[in-house]
Protein backbone atom coordinates (compact mmCIF):
# COMPACT_ATOMS: atom_id res chain seq x y z
CA ASN A 1 167.82 86.39 64.70
CA TRP A 2 165.74 87.14 61.60
CA ALA A 3 162.42 85.67 59.90
CA TYR A 4 162.38 85.81 55.76
CA THR A 5 159.67 85.20 53.68
CA TYR A 6 159.91 84.60 49.95
CA VAL A 7 156.82 85.14 47.62
CA TRP A 8 156.86 83.00 44.79
CA ASP A 9 156.74 84.42 40.94
CA SER A 10 153.85 82.70 40.23
CA TYR A 11 151.68 84.30 43.09
CA ALA A 12 153.25 87.45 42.80
CA ALA A 13 152.28 87.92 38.97
CA LEU A 14 148.89 87.28 40.01
CA PRO A 15 146.64 90.87 39.36
CA GLY A 16 145.58 92.92 42.54
CA GLY A 17 148.52 92.74 44.16
CA PHE A 18 149.68 91.25 47.43
CA SER A 19 151.31 92.26 51.32
CA SER A 20 153.92 89.67 53.21
CA SER A 21 155.37 89.96 56.20
CA ALA A 22 157.95 88.38 58.25
CA ALA A 23 158.25 88.20 62.25
CA MET A 24 159.75 86.20 64.76
CA VAL A 25 158.26 84.02 67.33
CA VAL A 26 160.04 84.16 71.04
CA ASN A 27 159.11 81.86 73.68
CA GLY A 28 155.57 81.21 72.07
CA ASP A 29 154.45 84.66 71.02
CA ARG A 30 154.77 86.69 68.31
CA ASP A 31 157.45 89.35 68.48
CA PHE A 32 155.60 92.77 66.40
CA SER A 33 158.68 94.80 67.24
CA SER A 34 160.15 92.37 64.66
CA ASN A 35 157.59 92.70 62.45
CA VAL A 36 158.25 93.72 58.85
CA ASN A 37 155.30 94.07 56.01
CA GLY A 38 155.81 94.51 52.61
CA ARG A 39 153.45 95.63 49.69
CA ASN A 40 154.10 93.77 46.23
CA LYS A 41 157.65 92.88 48.04
CA GLN A 42 158.38 89.40 46.98
CA ASP A 43 161.56 89.26 49.91
CA VAL A 44 160.70 90.68 53.13
CA TRP A 45 163.19 90.53 56.04
CA SER A 46 161.94 90.87 60.09
CA GLU A 47 163.95 93.49 62.33
CA GLY A 48 166.63 91.23 63.95
CA THR A 49 166.04 89.78 67.44
CA LYS A 50 168.50 89.37 70.50
CA THR A 51 167.08 85.93 71.43
CA LEU A 52 169.87 83.66 71.65
CA THR A 53 169.09 82.30 74.88
CA LYS A 54 165.39 81.96 73.91
CA CYS A 55 163.20 79.88 72.37
CA THR A 56 162.08 81.38 68.72
CA ARG A 57 160.80 80.57 65.23
CA ALA A 58 160.56 82.40 62.00
CA TYR A 59 157.12 83.45 60.98
CA GLY A 60 155.70 84.79 57.62
CA GLU A 61 152.53 85.33 55.74
CA VAL A 62 151.09 86.44 52.61
CA TRP A 63 147.83 87.64 51.75
CA GLY A 64 145.89 89.45 48.76
CA ASP A 65 143.86 87.01 47.45
CA GLY A 66 141.24 86.52 49.95
CA ASN A 67 143.06 84.35 51.59
CA VAL A 68 145.91 84.59 54.14
CA TYR A 69 149.09 81.89 53.44
CA TRP A 70 150.97 81.38 56.66
CA GLY A 71 154.39 79.12 57.72
CA GLN A 72 156.74 79.20 60.14
CA THR A 73 159.80 77.28 61.09
CA ASP A 74 160.47 74.55 63.99
CA GLU A 75 160.94 76.23 67.15
CA ARG A 76 164.65 75.95 68.64
CA CYS A 77 166.02 76.93 72.01
């Protein structure tokens, strides 16, 4: 399983730059070994996880304008 974060063009074009990340959440806990950060990258993929027998969700964040924006998928078991 992988997580994916995409940053919209309009946000990426703002002055000052941004950071983004993608990670998996496994059995309710963020799997930091899957976390990948990007600086001014509009596409970020997490590291893959071997979690087909566990409950997972994808999680992503974007920050850089003083706010942190995040989202996650529904959990799948």
